[in-house]
Amino acid sequence: MLVSGGIAFTLMARVGLIDPKHVIALRSIPEIHSIHETADGIWIGAHATHRAVSESQIVQTLHPVISAAFGAIGTIRIRAQGTIGGNLAYADPAQDPPPALTVSSATVHIVGPSGRRRDVPIERFFLDYYTADIEPDEIIIGLSVPAPTQPTVSTYRRFNPRTVDDFPTVSVAAAARLQPGTGTVEDIKIALGGVGPTPLRARSVEEAFVGIVPTFDAIETVSALVADDIAPFDDARGSASFKHAIAVVWVGRALRDLTAIQSS
């Protein structure tokens, strides 16, 4: 078994879900540590830690929503040890990074035997609960994230009623392009975590929000549409009905973040 930061590996080994005969650490491969700007955007190596991603000036400048999501992970010890490649391969739908990477149109780069490479858009990478599009003989080498072609506003929101190091009950990432002057929504992406077997796009909300000049009442109406886009289930962090209610509230707050509209 290949190990990156070892956070998920330790959790699964502790409860007996895995018992590998051999463990191969990836820490000594320098090519998968780098975070740097490219001609098209950002490259984030698979072994970059959560802390390195959250504190990267390049990430903060081009995709602050990604920086915010990685900065919200667990505790400082977890952020200093855990890596983006391990996080994605673990494929827990409640993790913080996937919604932010989804609204940023990230692509996962995977390499197999003999250098065979696959480039998988983040929205197609997660297949089911704890299941990702990666074979046992493949490794994630990094992510590429395109730079916004026009000025974009973004936000990341999470609801966590338990300990700070737990995954959120519901999380929301959103990125939008607003028309200068009028504030009309020209384009928007919204993704949620913890409300289905994989991260989910709130496409009903996106479609209803494009083309309007946001108001508080409009945001309240549009946010309710997220109930049609999600499929939460009961777990230790909340019931399905509770997650439905929280998703509506947190999508509304995310939309108000983007448009600077607050309740009176």
C-alpha atoms as a PDB file:
ATOM      1  CA  MET A   1       0.000   0.000   0.000  1.00  0.00           C
ATOM      2  CA  LEU A   2       1.210   3.471  -0.913  1.00  0.00           C
ATOM      3  CA  VAL A   3       1.124   6.116   1.831  1.00  0.00           C
ATOM      4  CA  SER A   4       1.307   9.868   1.466  1.00  0.00           C
ATOM      5  CA  GLY A   5       0.640  11.824   4.673  1.00  0.00           C
ATOM      6  CA  GLY A   6      -0.710   8.765   6.476  1.00  0.00           C
ATOM      7  CA  ILE A   7      -3.799  10.363   8.056  1.00  0.00           C
ATOM      8  CA  ALA A   8      -6.408   8.131   6.383  1.00  0.00           C
ATOM      9  CA  PHE A   9      -4.020   5.169   6.469  1.00  0.00           C
ATOM     10  CA  THR A  10      -3.705   5.425  10.254  1.00  0.00           C
ATOM     11  CA  LEU A  11      -7.467   5.700  10.747  1.00  0.00           C
ATOM     12  CA  MET A  12      -8.209   2.648   8.610  1.00  0.00           C
ATOM     13  CA  ALA A  13      -5.392   0.544  10.056  1.00  0.00           C
ATOM     14  CA  ARG A  14      -6.464   1.357  13.596  1.00  0.00           C
ATOM     15  CA  VAL A  15      -9.951  -0.117  13.089  1.00  0.00           C
ATOM     16  CA  GLY A  16      -8.760  -3.066  11.028  1.00  0.00           C
ATOM     17  CA  LEU A  17     -10.047  -1.998   7.622  1.00  0.00           C
ATOM     18  CA  ILE A  18      -6.603  -2.484   6.101  1.00  0.00           C
ATOM     19  CA  ASP A  19      -3.661  -4.706   7.008  1.00  0.00           C
ATOM     20  CA  PRO A  20      -1.054  -4.345   4.249  1.00  0.00           C
ATOM     21  CA  LYS A  21       1.981  -6.587   4.090  1.00  0.00           C
ATOM     22  CA  HIS A  22       4.101  -3.770   2.705  1.00  0.00           C
ATOM     23  CA  VAL A  23       3.840   0.021   3.052  1.00  0.00           C
ATOM     24  CA  ILE A  24       5.623   2.327   0.610  1.00  0.00           C
ATOM     25  CA  ALA A  25       5.998   5.982   1.618  1.00  0.00           C
ATOM     26  CA  LEU A  26       5.887   8.632  -1.110  1.00  0.00           C
ATOM     27  CA  ARG A  27       7.455  11.436   0.929  1.00  0.00           C
ATOM     28  CA  SER A  28      10.877  11.181  -0.738  1.00  0.00           C
ATOM     29  CA  ILE A  29       9.594  11.877  -4.273  1.00  0.00           C
ATOM     30  CA  PRO A  30      10.338  15.598  -4.766  1.00  0.00           C
ATOM     31  CA  GLU A  31       8.369  15.950  -8.007  1.00  0.00           C
ATOM     32  CA  ILE A  32       5.028  15.597  -6.212  1.00  0.00           C
ATOM     33  CA  HIS A  33       5.613  18.215  -3.491  1.00  0.00           C
ATOM     34  CA  SER A  34       5.592  21.377  -5.586  1.00  0.00           C
ATOM     35  CA  ILE A  35       2.992  24.152  -5.676  1.00  0.00           C
ATOM     36  CA  HIS A  36       3.686  26.553  -8.510  1.00  0.00           C
ATOM     37  CA  GLU A  37       2.094  28.792 -11.085  1.00  0.00           C
ATOM     38  CA  THR A  38       1.801  27.499 -14.637  1.00  0.00           C
ATOM     39  CA  ALA A  39       0.898  29.092 -17.950  1.00  0.00           C
ATOM     40  CA  ASP A  40      -2.743  28.102 -17.370  1.00  0.00           C
ATOM     41  CA  GLY A  41      -3.099  28.385 -13.601  1.00  0.00           C
ATOM     42  CA  ILE A  42      -1.725  26.398 -10.647  1.00  0.00           C
ATOM     43  CA  TRP A  43      -0.041  23.036 -10.203  1.00  0.00           C
ATOM     44  CA  ILE A  44      -0.436  21.418  -6.782  1.00  0.00           C
ATOM     45  CA  GLY A  45       1.655  18.315  -6.225  1.00  0.00           C
ATOM     46  CA  ALA A  46      -0.102  15.355  -4.635  1.00  0.00           C
ATOM     47  CA  HIS A  47       2.235  15.357  -1.641  1.00  0.00           C
ATOM     48  CA  ALA A  48       1.690  19.037  -0.837  1.00  0.00           C
ATOM     49  CA  THR A  49       0.320  19.243   2.691  1.00  0.00           C
ATOM     50  CA  HIS A  50      -2.981  20.864   3.543  1.00  0.00           C
ATOM     51  CA  ARG A  51      -1.076  23.609   5.343  1.00  0.00           C
ATOM     52  CA  ALA A  52       1.161  24.265   2.347  1.00  0.00           C
ATOM     53  CA  VAL A  53      -1.881  24.620   0.085  1.00  0.00           C
ATOM     54  CA  SER A  54      -3.774  26.884   2.490  1.00  0.00           C
ATOM     55  CA  GLU A  55      -0.751  29.153   3.031  1.00  0.00           C
ATOM     56  CA  SER A  56       0.428  29.305  -0.601  1.00  0.00           C
ATOM     57  CA  GLN A  57       0.402  32.881  -1.878  1.00  0.00           C
ATOM     58  CA  ILE A  58      -0.312  31.617  -5.390  1.00  0.00           C
ATOM     59  CA  VAL A  59      -3.372  29.681  -4.231  1.00  0.00           C
ATOM     60  CA  GLN A  60      -4.582  32.559  -2.062  1.00  0.00           C
ATOM     61  CA  THR A  61      -4.330  34.966  -4.996  1.00  0.00           C
ATOM     62  CA  LEU A  62      -5.856  32.866  -7.795  1.00  0.00           C
ATOM     63  CA  HIS A  63      -8.232  30.607  -5.846  1.00  0.00           C
ATOM     64  CA  PRO A  64      -8.906  31.870  -2.308  1.00  0.00           C
ATOM     65  CA  VAL A  65     -11.767  29.373  -1.976  1.00  0.00           C
ATOM     66  CA  ILE A  66      -9.225  26.523  -2.181  1.00  0.00           C
ATOM     67  CA  SER A  67      -7.016  28.189   0.418  1.00  0.00           C
ATOM     68  CA  ALA A  68     -10.017  28.593   2.741  1.00  0.00           C
ATOM     69  CA  ALA A  69     -11.113  24.968   2.373  1.00  0.00           C
ATOM     70  CA  PHE A  70      -7.660  23.555   3.083  1.00  0.00           C
ATOM     71  CA  GLY A  71      -7.242  25.950   6.007  1.00  0.00           C
ATOM     72  CA  ALA A  72     -10.447  24.563   7.543  1.00  0.00           C
ATOM     73  CA  ILE A  73      -9.229  20.956   7.675  1.00  0.00           C
ATOM     74  CA  GLY A  74      -8.943  19.435  11.133  1.00  0.00           C
ATOM     75  CA  THR A  75      -6.245  20.856  13.386  1.00  0.00           C
ATOM     76  CA  ILE A  76      -2.849  22.391  12.693  1.00  0.00           C
ATOM     77  CA  ARG A  77      -1.224  18.981  13.262  1.00  0.00           C
ATOM     78  CA  ILE A  78      -3.468  17.313  10.702  1.00  0.00           C
ATOM     79  CA  ARG A  79      -2.907  20.133   8.189  1.00  0.00           C
ATOM     80  CA  ALA A  80       0.852  19.848   8.639  1.00  0.00           C
ATOM     81  CA  GLN A  81       0.835  16.092   7.980  1.00  0.00           C
ATOM     82  CA  GLY A  82      -2.059  15.295   5.647  1.00  0.00           C
ATOM     83  CA  THR A  83      -1.661  15.676   1.892  1.00  0.00           C
ATOM     84  CA  ILE A  84      -3.942  16.560  -0.966  1.00  0.00           C
ATOM     85  CA  GLY A  85      -3.296  13.277  -2.793  1.00  0.00           C
ATOM     86  CA  GLY A  86      -4.214  11.179   0.221  1.00  0.00           C
ATOM     87  CA  ASN A  87      -7.276  13.315   0.865  1.00  0.00           C
ATOM     88  CA  LEU A  88      -8.604  12.781  -2.649  1.00  0.00           C
ATOM     89  CA  ALA A  89      -7.819   9.067  -2.741  1.00  0.00           C
ATOM     90  CA  TYR A  90      -9.642   8.565   0.568  1.00  0.00           C
ATOM     91  CA  ALA A  91     -12.805   9.930  -1.107  1.00  0.00           C
ATOM     92  CA  ASP A  92     -14.855  10.654   1.990  1.00  0.00           C
ATOM     93  CA  PRO A  93     -17.722  12.850   0.697  1.00  0.00           C
ATOM     94  CA  ALA A  94     -17.611  15.039   3.821  1.00  0.00           C
ATOM     95  CA  GLN A  95     -14.011  16.222   3.337  1.00  0.00           C
ATOM     96  CA  ASP A  96     -13.355  19.949   2.994  1.00  0.00           C
ATOM     97  CA  PRO A  97     -11.286  20.233  -0.245  1.00  0.00           C
ATOM     98  CA  PRO A  98     -13.490  18.528  -2.898  1.00  0.00           C
ATOM     99  CA  PRO A  99     -16.280  21.172  -3.067  1.00  0.00           C
ATOM    100  CA  ALA A 100     -13.718  23.992  -3.380  1.00  0.00           C
ATOM    101  CA  LEU A 101     -11.768  22.091  -6.023  1.00  0.00           C
ATOM    102  CA  THR A 102     -15.022  21.403  -7.870  1.00  0.00           C
ATOM    103  CA  VAL A 103     -16.045  25.056  -8.195  1.00  0.00           C
ATOM    104  CA  SER A 104     -12.463  25.820  -9.276  1.00  0.00           C
ATOM    105  CA  SER A 105     -12.609  23.228 -12.129  1.00  0.00           C
ATOM    106  CA  ALA A 106      -9.592  21.240 -10.924  1.00  0.00           C
ATOM    107  CA  THR A 107      -8.227  18.210 -12.774  1.00  0.00           C
ATOM    108  CA  VAL A 108      -6.667  15.201 -11.044  1.00  0.00           C
ATOM    109  CA  HIS A 109      -3.552  13.782 -12.709  1.00  0.00           C
ATOM    110  CA  ILE A 110      -2.900  10.077 -12.227  1.00  0.00           C
ATOM    111  CA  VAL A 111       0.015   7.888 -13.310  1.00  0.00           C
ATOM    112  CA  GLY A 112       0.061   4.100 -13.649  1.00  0.00           C
ATOM    113  CA  PRO A 113       2.576   1.436 -14.691  1.00  0.00           C
ATOM    114  CA  SER A 114       5.044   2.344 -17.429  1.00  0.00           C
ATOM    115  CA  GLY A 115       4.172   6.032 -17.036  1.00  0.00           C
ATOM    116  CA  ARG A 116       0.627   5.685 -18.319  1.00  0.00           C
ATOM    117  CA  ARG A 117      -1.117   8.958 -17.389  1.00  0.00           C
ATOM    118  CA  ARG A 118      -4.766   9.857 -16.962  1.00  0.00           C
ATOM    119  CA  ASP A 119      -6.213  13.345 -16.453  1.00  0.00           C
ATOM    120  CA  VAL A 120      -9.579  13.213 -14.695  1.00  0.00           C
ATOM    121  CA  PRO A 121     -11.780  16.291 -14.088  1.00  0.00           C
ATOM    122  CA  ILE A 122     -12.529  16.518 -10.370  1.00  0.00           C
ATOM    123  CA  GLU A 123     -16.280  16.130 -10.942  1.00  0.00           C
ATOM    124  CA  ARG A 124     -15.688  12.710 -12.509  1.00  0.00           C
ATOM    125  CA  PHE A 125     -13.050  11.576 -10.035  1.00  0.00           C
ATOM    126  CA  PHE A 126     -15.376  10.687  -7.148  1.00  0.00           C
ATOM    127  CA  LEU A 127     -17.511   7.663  -8.007  1.00  0.00           C
ATOM    128  CA  ASP A 128     -19.230   6.693  -4.758  1.00  0.00           C
ATOM    129  CA  TYR A 129     -18.817   6.690  -1.002  1.00  0.00           C
ATOM    130  CA  TYR A 130     -15.071   6.094  -0.326  1.00  0.00           C
ATOM    131  CA  THR A 131     -14.623   5.239  -4.005  1.00  0.00           C
ATOM    132  CA  ALA A 132     -12.544   7.251  -6.465  1.00  0.00           C
ATOM    133  CA  ASP A 133     -11.458   6.745 -10.065  1.00  0.00           C
ATOM    134  CA  ILE A 134      -8.009   5.393  -9.252  1.00  0.00           C
ATOM    135  CA  GLU A 135      -6.754   1.848  -9.692  1.00  0.00           C
ATOM    136  CA  PRO A 136      -4.641  -0.066  -7.119  1.00  0.00           C
ATOM    137  CA  ASP A 137      -1.540   0.251  -9.322  1.00  0.00           C
ATOM    138  CA  GLU A 138      -1.959   4.007  -9.931  1.00  0.00           C
ATOM    139  CA  ILE A 139      -0.936   7.064  -7.927  1.00  0.00           C
ATOM    140  CA  ILE A 140      -2.135  10.657  -7.941  1.00  0.00           C
ATOM    141  CA  ILE A 141       0.757  12.915  -8.905  1.00  0.00           C
ATOM    142  CA  GLY A 142      -1.001  16.260  -8.609  1.00  0.00           C
ATOM    143  CA  LEU A 143      -3.775  18.652  -9.480  1.00  0.00           C
ATOM    144  CA  SER A 144      -3.997  21.407 -12.036  1.00  0.00           C
ATOM    145  CA  VAL A 145      -6.387  24.301 -11.472  1.00  0.00           C
ATOM    146  CA  PRO A 146      -7.015  26.830 -14.260  1.00  0.00           C
ATOM    147  CA  ALA A 147      -6.703  30.498 -13.425  1.00  0.00           C
ATOM    148  CA  PRO A 148      -9.959  32.479 -13.613  1.00  0.00           C
ATOM    149  CA  THR A 149     -10.245  34.174 -16.997  1.00  0.00           C
ATOM    150  CA  GLN A 150     -12.293  37.018 -15.473  1.00  0.00           C
ATOM    151  CA  PRO A 151     -12.598  38.510 -11.964  1.00  0.00           C
ATOM    152  CA  THR A 152     -14.336  36.016  -9.696  1.00  0.00           C
ATOM    153  CA  VAL A 153     -15.628  36.102  -6.122  1.00  0.00           C
ATOM    154  CA  SER A 154     -15.667  32.930  -4.027  1.00  0.00           C
ATOM    155  CA  THR A 155     -16.426  31.597  -0.567  1.00  0.00           C
ATOM    156  CA  TYR A 156     -16.245  28.438   1.518  1.00  0.00           C
ATOM    157  CA  ARG A 157     -18.709  27.684   4.314  1.00  0.00           C
ATOM    158  CA  ARG A 158     -18.860  24.659   6.631  1.00  0.00           C
ATOM    159  CA  PHE A 159     -21.180  23.628   9.445  1.00  0.00           C
ATOM    160  CA  ASN A 160     -19.581  21.570  12.185  1.00  0.00           C
ATOM    161  CA  PRO A 161     -21.405  21.202  15.516  1.00  0.00           C
ATOM    162  CA  ARG A 162     -18.845  18.749  16.883  1.00  0.00           C
ATOM    163  CA  THR A 163     -15.087  19.003  17.459  1.00  0.00           C
ATOM    164  CA  VAL A 164     -12.997  21.260  15.231  1.00  0.00           C
ATOM    165  CA  ASP A 165     -10.997  18.343  13.819  1.00  0.00           C
ATOM    166  CA  ASP A 166     -14.086  16.507  12.541  1.00  0.00           C
ATOM    167  CA  PHE A 167     -15.365  16.643   8.973  1.00  0.00           C
ATOM    168  CA  PRO A 168     -18.223  19.125   8.508  1.00  0.00           C
ATOM    169  CA  THR A 169     -21.834  17.998   8.599  1.00  0.00           C
ATOM    170  CA  VAL A 170     -22.429  20.100   5.478  1.00  0.00           C
ATOM    171  CA  SER A 171     -19.999  22.245   3.505  1.00  0.00           C
ATOM    172  CA  VAL A 172     -20.574  24.692   0.649  1.00  0.00           C
ATOM    173  CA  ALA A 173     -18.108  26.166  -1.834  1.00  0.00           C
ATOM    174  CA  ALA A 174     -19.200  28.761  -4.367  1.00  0.00           C
ATOM    175  CA  ALA A 175     -17.518  30.873  -7.041  1.00  0.00           C
ATOM    176  CA  ALA A 176     -19.260  33.493  -9.165  1.00  0.00           C
ATOM    177  CA  ARG A 177     -18.669  36.122 -11.793  1.00  0.00           C
ATOM    178  CA  LEU A 178     -20.717  39.292 -11.308  1.00  0.00           C
ATOM    179  CA  GLN A 179     -21.303  41.999 -13.887  1.00  0.00           C
ATOM    180  CA  PRO A 180     -19.475  45.181 -12.879  1.00  0.00           C
ATOM    181  CA  GLY A 181     -21.798  47.982 -11.918  1.00  0.00           C
ATOM    182  CA  THR A 182     -25.109  46.111 -11.868  1.00  0.00           C
ATOM    183  CA  GLY A 183     -24.028  43.062  -9.851  1.00  0.00           C
ATOM    184  CA  THR A 184     -25.923  40.749 -12.204  1.00  0.00           C
ATOM    185  CA  VAL A 185     -24.787  37.147 -11.836  1.00  0.00           C
ATOM    186  CA  GLU A 186     -23.101  36.127 -15.080  1.00  0.00           C
ATOM    187  CA  ASP A 187     -21.858  32.706 -13.988  1.00  0.00           C
ATOM    188  CA  ILE A 188     -21.784  30.673 -10.776  1.00  0.00           C
ATOM    189  CA  LYS A 189     -20.703  27.264  -9.495  1.00  0.00           C
ATOM    190  CA  ILE A 190     -21.854  25.812  -6.179  1.00  0.00           C
ATOM    191  CA  ALA A 191     -20.708  22.486  -4.732  1.00  0.00           C
ATOM    192  CA  LEU A 192     -21.576  20.793  -1.463  1.00  0.00           C
ATOM    193  CA  GLY A 193     -19.945  18.125   0.674  1.00  0.00           C
ATOM    194  CA  GLY A 194     -21.543  15.775   3.179  1.00  0.00           C
ATOM    195  CA  VAL A 195     -24.911  15.648   1.405  1.00  0.00           C
ATOM    196  CA  GLY A 196     -24.507  12.563  -0.772  1.00  0.00           C
ATOM    197  CA  PRO A 197     -22.104   9.749  -1.631  1.00  0.00           C
ATOM    198  CA  THR A 198     -19.881  12.205  -3.520  1.00  0.00           C
ATOM    199  CA  PRO A 199     -19.483  15.999  -3.627  1.00  0.00           C
ATOM    200  CA  LEU A 200     -22.520  17.404  -5.460  1.00  0.00           C
ATOM    201  CA  ARG A 201     -23.162  20.449  -7.638  1.00  0.00           C
ATOM    202  CA  ALA A 202     -26.187  22.580  -6.764  1.00  0.00           C
ATOM    203  CA  ARG A 203     -27.204  22.923 -10.395  1.00  0.00           C
ATOM    204  CA  SER A 204     -30.803  23.997  -9.693  1.00  0.00           C
ATOM    205  CA  VAL A 205     -29.508  26.901  -7.609  1.00  0.00           C
ATOM    206  CA  GLU A 206     -26.910  27.811 -10.228  1.00  0.00           C
ATOM    207  CA  GLU A 207     -29.448  27.890 -13.057  1.00  0.00           C
ATOM    208  CA  ALA A 208     -31.893  30.006 -11.073  1.00  0.00           C
ATOM    209  CA  PHE A 209     -29.239  32.483  -9.924  1.00  0.00           C
ATOM    210  CA  VAL A 210     -27.654  33.279 -13.292  1.00  0.00           C
ATOM    211  CA  GLY A 211     -28.995  36.402 -14.932  1.00  0.00           C
ATOM    212  CA  ILE A 212     -30.531  38.020 -11.867  1.00  0.00           C
ATOM    213  CA  VAL A 213     -29.525  40.983  -9.739  1.00  0.00           C
ATOM    214  CA  PRO A 214     -29.337  39.382  -6.288  1.00  0.00           C
ATOM    215  CA  THR A 215     -31.497  40.588  -3.421  1.00  0.00           C
ATOM    216  CA  PHE A 216     -31.977  39.111   0.020  1.00  0.00           C
ATOM    217  CA  ASP A 217     -35.416  37.759  -0.932  1.00  0.00           C
ATOM    218  CA  ALA A 218     -34.108  36.287  -4.191  1.00  0.00           C
ATOM    219  CA  ILE A 219     -31.315  34.506  -2.337  1.00  0.00           C
ATOM    220  CA  GLU A 220     -33.796  33.062   0.152  1.00  0.00           C
ATOM    221  CA  THR A 221     -35.953  31.719  -2.683  1.00  0.00           C
ATOM    222  CA  VAL A 222     -33.112  30.332  -4.773  1.00  0.00           C
ATOM    223  CA  SER A 223     -31.315  28.699  -1.831  1.00  0.00           C
ATOM    224  CA  ALA A 224     -34.321  26.471  -1.154  1.00  0.00           C
ATOM    225  CA  LEU A 225     -33.803  24.809  -4.552  1.00  0.00           C
ATOM    226  CA  VAL A 226     -30.713  23.012  -3.272  1.00  0.00           C
ATOM    227  CA  ALA A 227     -33.050  20.417  -1.746  1.00  0.00           C
ATOM    228  CA  ASP A 228     -33.562  19.074  -5.282  1.00  0.00           C
ATOM    229  CA  ASP A 229     -29.828  18.656  -5.883  1.00  0.00           C
ATOM    230  CA  ILE A 230     -28.674  16.718  -2.829  1.00  0.00           C
ATOM    231  CA  ALA A 231     -29.153  13.218  -1.454  1.00  0.00           C
ATOM    232  CA  PRO A 232     -28.009  13.211   2.194  1.00  0.00           C
ATOM    233  CA  PHE A 233     -28.183  10.173   4.419  1.00  0.00           C
ATOM    234  CA  ASP A 234     -28.229   9.666   8.174  1.00  0.00           C
ATOM    235  CA  ASP A 235     -24.847   9.357   9.872  1.00  0.00           C
ATOM    236  CA  ALA A 236     -23.091  10.336  13.089  1.00  0.00           C
ATOM    237  CA  ARG A 237     -22.965  13.996  12.018  1.00  0.00           C
ATOM    238  CA  GLY A 238     -26.704  14.396  11.478  1.00  0.00           C
ATOM    239  CA  SER A 239     -29.879  12.993   9.995  1.00  0.00           C
ATOM    240  CA  ALA A 240     -30.782  13.370   6.338  1.00  0.00           C
ATOM    241  CA  SER A 241     -33.561  15.841   7.170  1.00  0.00           C
ATOM    242  CA  PHE A 242     -31.194  17.901   9.329  1.00  0.00           C
ATOM    243  CA  LYS A 243     -28.631  18.048   6.523  1.00  0.00           C
ATOM    244  CA  HIS A 244     -31.314  19.151   4.071  1.00  0.00           C
ATOM    245  CA  ALA A 245     -32.209  22.056   6.345  1.00  0.00           C
ATOM    246  CA  ILE A 246     -28.584  23.008   6.991  1.00  0.00           C
ATOM    247  CA  ALA A 247     -27.754  22.870   3.266  1.00  0.00           C
ATOM    248  CA  VAL A 248     -30.466  25.431   2.473  1.00  0.00           C
ATOM    249  CA  VAL A 249     -29.222  27.791   5.194  1.00  0.00           C
ATOM    250  CA  TRP A 250     -25.553  27.448   4.304  1.00  0.00           C
ATOM    251  CA  VAL A 251     -26.110  27.866   0.559  1.00  0.00           C
ATOM    252  CA  GLY A 252     -27.968  31.078   1.376  1.00  0.00           C
ATOM    253  CA  ARG A 253     -25.077  32.308   3.475  1.00  0.00           C
ATOM    254  CA  ALA A 254     -22.605  31.446   0.744  1.00  0.00           C
ATOM    255  CA  LEU A 255     -24.647  33.379  -1.827  1.00  0.00           C
ATOM    256  CA  ARG A 256     -24.787  36.373   0.496  1.00  0.00           C
ATOM    257  CA  ASP A 257     -21.002  36.138   0.882  1.00  0.00           C
ATOM    258  CA  LEU A 258     -20.606  36.350  -2.898  1.00  0.00           C
ATOM    259  CA  THR A 259     -22.972  39.284  -3.323  1.00  0.00           C
ATOM    260  CA  ALA A 260     -22.234  41.121  -0.052  1.00  0.00           C
ATOM    261  CA  ILE A 261     -25.954  41.056   0.771  1.00  0.00           C
ATOM    262  CA  GLN A 262     -26.692  40.536   4.440  1.00  0.00           C
ATOM    263  CA  SER A 263     -29.914  40.050   6.345  1.00  0.00           C
ATOM    264  CA  SER A 264     -31.418  43.122   7.917  1.00  0.00           C
END
